[in-house]
């Protein structure tokens, strides 16, 4: 509907790349050791304002959007990390 905002990509939302804030980095630094200890190589952190709202462990999204916006190859980096872990 007119004026409607959707934040979920699956529901028709639109992703826009943004630089991480100091708050985002703080959350990632705090969560990182925990998810690594659980053996998780790749997760998605959902943050609203300065609050962590969700840790996506089964299907983190936006790899293509991140690649396009930041000129990265996230899938390649992930495959390299998996290969290193298996050696």
N, C-alpha and C. Protein backbone atom coordinates (compact mmCIF):
# COMPACT_ATOMS: atom_id res chain seq x y z
N UNK A 1 0.84 -1.19 0.00
CA UNK A 1 0.00 0.00 0.00
C UNK A 1 0.88 1.25 0.00
N UNK A 2 0.33 2.33 -0.43
CA UNK A 2 1.09 3.57 -0.49
C UNK A 2 1.61 3.95 0.90
N UNK A 3 2.88 4.31 0.96
CA UNK A 3 3.49 4.72 2.22
C UNK A 3 3.94 3.57 3.10
N UNK A 4 3.72 2.34 2.66
CA UNK A 4 4.08 1.18 3.46
C UNK A 4 5.59 0.94 3.41
N UNK A 5 6.16 0.58 4.52
CA UNK A 5 7.58 0.24 4.60
C UNK A 5 7.72 -1.23 4.96
N UNK A 6 8.56 -1.94 4.23
CA UNK A 6 8.82 -3.35 4.54
C UNK A 6 10.30 -3.51 4.82
N UNK A 7 10.60 -4.15 5.95
CA UNK A 7 11.98 -4.37 6.32
C UNK A 7 12.47 -5.77 6.03
N UNK A 8 11.59 -6.64 5.60
CA UNK A 8 11.95 -8.03 5.34
C UNK A 8 12.09 -8.22 3.83
N UNK A 9 13.27 -8.69 3.40
CA UNK A 9 13.49 -8.85 1.96
C UNK A 9 12.51 -9.83 1.34
N UNK A 10 12.18 -10.90 2.06
CA UNK A 10 11.25 -11.90 1.53
C UNK A 10 9.85 -11.33 1.36
N UNK A 11 9.54 -10.26 2.10
CA UNK A 11 8.22 -9.64 2.02
C UNK A 11 8.22 -8.45 1.07
N UNK A 12 9.30 -8.29 0.32
CA UNK A 12 9.36 -7.21 -0.65
C UNK A 12 10.18 -6.01 -0.22
N UNK A 13 10.87 -6.14 0.90
CA UNK A 13 11.75 -5.05 1.35
C UNK A 13 12.94 -4.90 0.42
N UNK A 14 13.63 -3.79 0.54
CA UNK A 14 14.78 -3.49 -0.31
C UNK A 14 15.99 -3.25 0.57
N UNK A 15 17.05 -4.02 0.34
CA UNK A 15 18.27 -3.85 1.12
C UNK A 15 19.13 -2.72 0.60
N UNK A 16 19.72 -1.97 1.51
CA UNK A 16 20.62 -0.88 1.16
C UNK A 16 21.86 -1.03 2.03
N UNK A 17 23.02 -1.08 1.40
CA UNK A 17 24.26 -1.21 2.15
C UNK A 17 24.58 0.05 2.94
N UNK A 18 25.07 -0.14 4.12
CA UNK A 18 25.46 0.97 4.99
C UNK A 18 26.75 0.59 5.70
N UNK A 19 27.54 1.59 6.04
CA UNK A 19 28.72 1.36 6.86
C UNK A 19 28.27 0.91 8.25
N UNK A 20 29.05 0.00 8.84
CA UNK A 20 28.74 -0.42 10.20
C UNK A 20 29.03 0.72 11.17
N UNK A 21 28.17 0.89 12.15
CA UNK A 21 28.38 1.91 13.17
C UNK A 21 29.27 1.33 14.27
N UNK A 22 29.75 2.18 15.14
CA UNK A 22 30.52 1.70 16.29
C UNK A 22 29.68 0.76 17.13
N UNK A 23 28.37 1.05 17.25
CA UNK A 23 27.47 0.17 17.99
C UNK A 23 27.35 -1.19 17.34
N UNK A 24 27.26 -1.23 15.99
CA UNK A 24 27.21 -2.50 15.27
C UNK A 24 28.48 -3.31 15.53
N UNK A 25 29.62 -2.64 15.44
CA UNK A 25 30.91 -3.32 15.65
C UNK A 25 31.02 -3.85 17.08
N UNK A 26 30.53 -3.08 18.04
CA UNK A 26 30.57 -3.52 19.44
C UNK A 26 29.75 -4.79 19.61
N UNK A 27 28.56 -4.82 19.03
CA UNK A 27 27.71 -6.00 19.11
C UNK A 27 28.41 -7.19 18.46
N UNK A 28 28.98 -6.99 17.27
CA UNK A 28 29.66 -8.09 16.57
C UNK A 28 30.83 -8.62 17.39
N UNK A 29 31.59 -7.73 18.01
CA UNK A 29 32.72 -8.17 18.85
C UNK A 29 32.25 -8.96 20.06
N UNK A 30 31.12 -8.58 20.62
CA UNK A 30 30.59 -9.30 21.78
C UNK A 30 29.99 -10.64 21.40
N UNK A 31 29.32 -10.72 20.27
CA UNK A 31 28.65 -11.94 19.83
C UNK A 31 29.63 -12.91 19.17
N UNK A 32 30.66 -12.38 18.51
CA UNK A 32 31.61 -13.20 17.76
C UNK A 32 32.17 -14.39 18.51
N UNK A 33 32.73 -14.19 19.70
CA UNK A 33 33.29 -15.34 20.42
C UNK A 33 32.24 -16.41 20.74
N UNK A 34 31.05 -15.99 21.05
CA UNK A 34 29.98 -16.94 21.37
C UNK A 34 29.63 -17.81 20.17
N UNK A 35 29.42 -17.18 19.01
CA UNK A 35 29.04 -17.98 17.84
C UNK A 35 30.20 -18.84 17.36
N UNK A 36 31.44 -18.33 17.48
CA UNK A 36 32.60 -19.16 17.12
C UNK A 36 32.69 -20.38 18.02
N UNK A 37 32.47 -20.19 19.33
CA UNK A 37 32.50 -21.32 20.28
C UNK A 37 31.45 -22.37 19.94
N UNK A 38 30.37 -21.95 19.30
CA UNK A 38 29.32 -22.87 18.87
C UNK A 38 29.64 -23.52 17.53
N UNK A 39 30.78 -23.17 16.93
CA UNK A 39 31.18 -23.75 15.66
C UNK A 39 30.52 -23.12 14.45
N UNK A 40 29.95 -21.94 14.63
CA UNK A 40 29.25 -21.27 13.53
C UNK A 40 30.23 -20.37 12.77
N UNK A 41 30.36 -20.61 11.47
CA UNK A 41 31.30 -19.85 10.64
C UNK A 41 30.68 -18.59 10.05
N UNK A 42 29.36 -18.61 9.86
CA UNK A 42 28.71 -17.51 9.16
C UNK A 42 27.32 -17.32 9.72
N UNK A 43 27.06 -16.16 10.27
CA UNK A 43 25.73 -15.85 10.80
C UNK A 43 25.35 -14.44 10.35
N UNK A 44 24.09 -14.16 10.43
CA UNK A 44 23.60 -12.81 10.16
C UNK A 44 23.11 -12.20 11.46
N UNK A 45 23.55 -10.99 11.76
CA UNK A 45 23.11 -10.29 12.96
C UNK A 45 22.12 -9.21 12.56
N UNK A 46 20.92 -9.29 13.09
CA UNK A 46 19.92 -8.25 12.86
C UNK A 46 20.00 -7.26 14.01
N UNK A 47 20.20 -6.00 13.67
CA UNK A 47 20.35 -4.95 14.67
C UNK A 47 19.37 -3.83 14.35
N UNK A 48 18.66 -3.39 15.36
CA UNK A 48 17.80 -2.22 15.24
C UNK A 48 18.29 -1.21 16.27
N UNK A 49 18.72 -0.06 15.79
CA UNK A 49 19.31 0.93 16.70
C UNK A 49 20.58 0.35 17.29
N UNK A 50 20.61 0.26 18.60
CA UNK A 50 21.78 -0.31 19.27
C UNK A 50 21.46 -1.65 19.92
N UNK A 51 20.40 -2.31 19.44
CA UNK A 51 19.95 -3.58 20.02
C UNK A 51 20.07 -4.72 19.02
N UNK A 52 20.64 -5.83 19.47
CA UNK A 52 20.67 -7.05 18.68
C UNK A 52 19.29 -7.69 18.79
N UNK A 53 18.64 -7.90 17.65
CA UNK A 53 17.28 -8.45 17.68
C UNK A 53 17.22 -9.91 17.25
N UNK A 54 18.22 -10.36 16.49
CA UNK A 54 18.17 -11.73 15.99
C UNK A 54 19.55 -12.16 15.51
N UNK A 55 19.86 -13.44 15.71
CA UNK A 55 21.05 -14.06 15.13
C UNK A 55 20.56 -15.13 14.18
N UNK A 56 20.77 -14.92 12.89
CA UNK A 56 20.33 -15.87 11.86
C UNK A 56 21.45 -16.88 11.62
N UNK A 57 21.19 -18.13 11.97
CA UNK A 57 22.24 -19.15 11.85
C UNK A 57 21.96 -20.16 10.75
N UNK A 58 20.72 -20.30 10.31
CA UNK A 58 20.42 -21.32 9.31
C UNK A 58 20.37 -20.77 7.90
N UNK A 59 20.08 -19.50 7.73
CA UNK A 59 19.96 -18.96 6.38
C UNK A 59 20.24 -17.46 6.35
N UNK A 60 21.49 -17.07 6.71
CA UNK A 60 21.80 -15.64 6.61
C UNK A 60 21.63 -15.18 5.16
N UNK A 61 21.08 -14.01 4.99
CA UNK A 61 20.79 -13.53 3.64
C UNK A 61 21.68 -12.36 3.25
N UNK A 62 21.46 -11.87 2.08
CA UNK A 62 22.07 -10.65 1.54
C UNK A 62 23.49 -10.84 1.03
N UNK A 63 23.93 -12.08 0.80
CA UNK A 63 25.27 -12.27 0.25
C UNK A 63 25.39 -11.54 -1.09
N UNK A 64 24.42 -11.71 -1.96
CA UNK A 64 24.49 -11.05 -3.28
C UNK A 64 24.46 -9.53 -3.14
N UNK A 65 23.64 -9.03 -2.23
CA UNK A 65 23.55 -7.59 -2.04
C UNK A 65 24.85 -7.02 -1.48
N UNK A 66 25.45 -7.74 -0.52
CA UNK A 66 26.73 -7.29 0.05
C UNK A 66 27.81 -7.32 -1.02
N UNK A 67 27.86 -8.41 -1.79
CA UNK A 67 28.85 -8.52 -2.87
C UNK A 67 28.73 -7.34 -3.83
N UNK A 68 27.50 -7.06 -4.27
CA UNK A 68 27.29 -6.00 -5.25
C UNK A 68 27.62 -4.63 -4.68
N UNK A 69 27.20 -4.38 -3.46
CA UNK A 69 27.40 -3.06 -2.86
C UNK A 69 28.80 -2.79 -2.39
N UNK A 70 29.50 -3.83 -1.95
CA UNK A 70 30.83 -3.64 -1.37
C UNK A 70 31.95 -4.19 -2.24
N UNK A 71 31.58 -4.79 -3.37
CA UNK A 71 32.60 -5.35 -4.24
C UNK A 71 33.33 -6.53 -3.63
N UNK A 72 32.60 -7.34 -2.87
CA UNK A 72 33.19 -8.50 -2.21
C UNK A 72 32.75 -9.79 -2.88
N UNK A 73 33.32 -10.89 -2.42
CA UNK A 73 32.89 -12.22 -2.82
C UNK A 73 32.66 -13.01 -1.53
N UNK A 74 31.56 -12.71 -0.84
CA UNK A 74 31.28 -13.33 0.45
C UNK A 74 31.18 -14.84 0.33
N UNK A 75 30.52 -15.34 -0.71
CA UNK A 75 30.39 -16.79 -0.88
C UNK A 75 31.77 -17.43 -1.02
N UNK A 76 32.66 -16.80 -1.77
CA UNK A 76 34.01 -17.31 -1.91
C UNK A 76 34.76 -17.31 -0.59
N UNK A 77 34.63 -16.23 0.17
CA UNK A 77 35.27 -16.16 1.49
C UNK A 77 34.72 -17.23 2.42
N UNK A 78 33.42 -17.47 2.35
CA UNK A 78 32.80 -18.49 3.18
C UNK A 78 33.31 -19.88 2.79
N UNK A 79 33.39 -20.15 1.50
CA UNK A 79 33.90 -21.45 1.05
C UNK A 79 35.35 -21.64 1.47
N UNK A 80 36.16 -20.58 1.41
CA UNK A 80 37.55 -20.66 1.88
C UNK A 80 37.60 -20.99 3.37
N UNK A 81 36.73 -20.37 4.16
CA UNK A 81 36.70 -20.63 5.60
C UNK A 81 36.27 -22.06 5.89
N UNK A 82 35.30 -22.57 5.15
CA UNK A 82 34.85 -23.96 5.33
C UNK A 82 35.97 -24.91 4.96
N UNK A 83 36.63 -24.66 3.85
CA UNK A 83 37.74 -25.51 3.41
C UNK A 83 38.85 -25.53 4.46
N UNK A 84 39.19 -24.37 4.99
CA UNK A 84 40.23 -24.27 6.03
C UNK A 84 39.83 -25.05 7.27
N UNK A 85 38.57 -24.95 7.65
CA UNK A 85 38.06 -25.64 8.84
C UNK A 85 38.12 -27.16 8.65
N UNK A 86 37.90 -27.64 7.42
CA UNK A 86 37.89 -29.07 7.16
C UNK A 86 39.28 -29.68 7.07
N UNK A 87 40.30 -28.87 6.87
CA UNK A 87 41.67 -29.38 6.74
C UNK A 87 42.24 -29.79 8.06
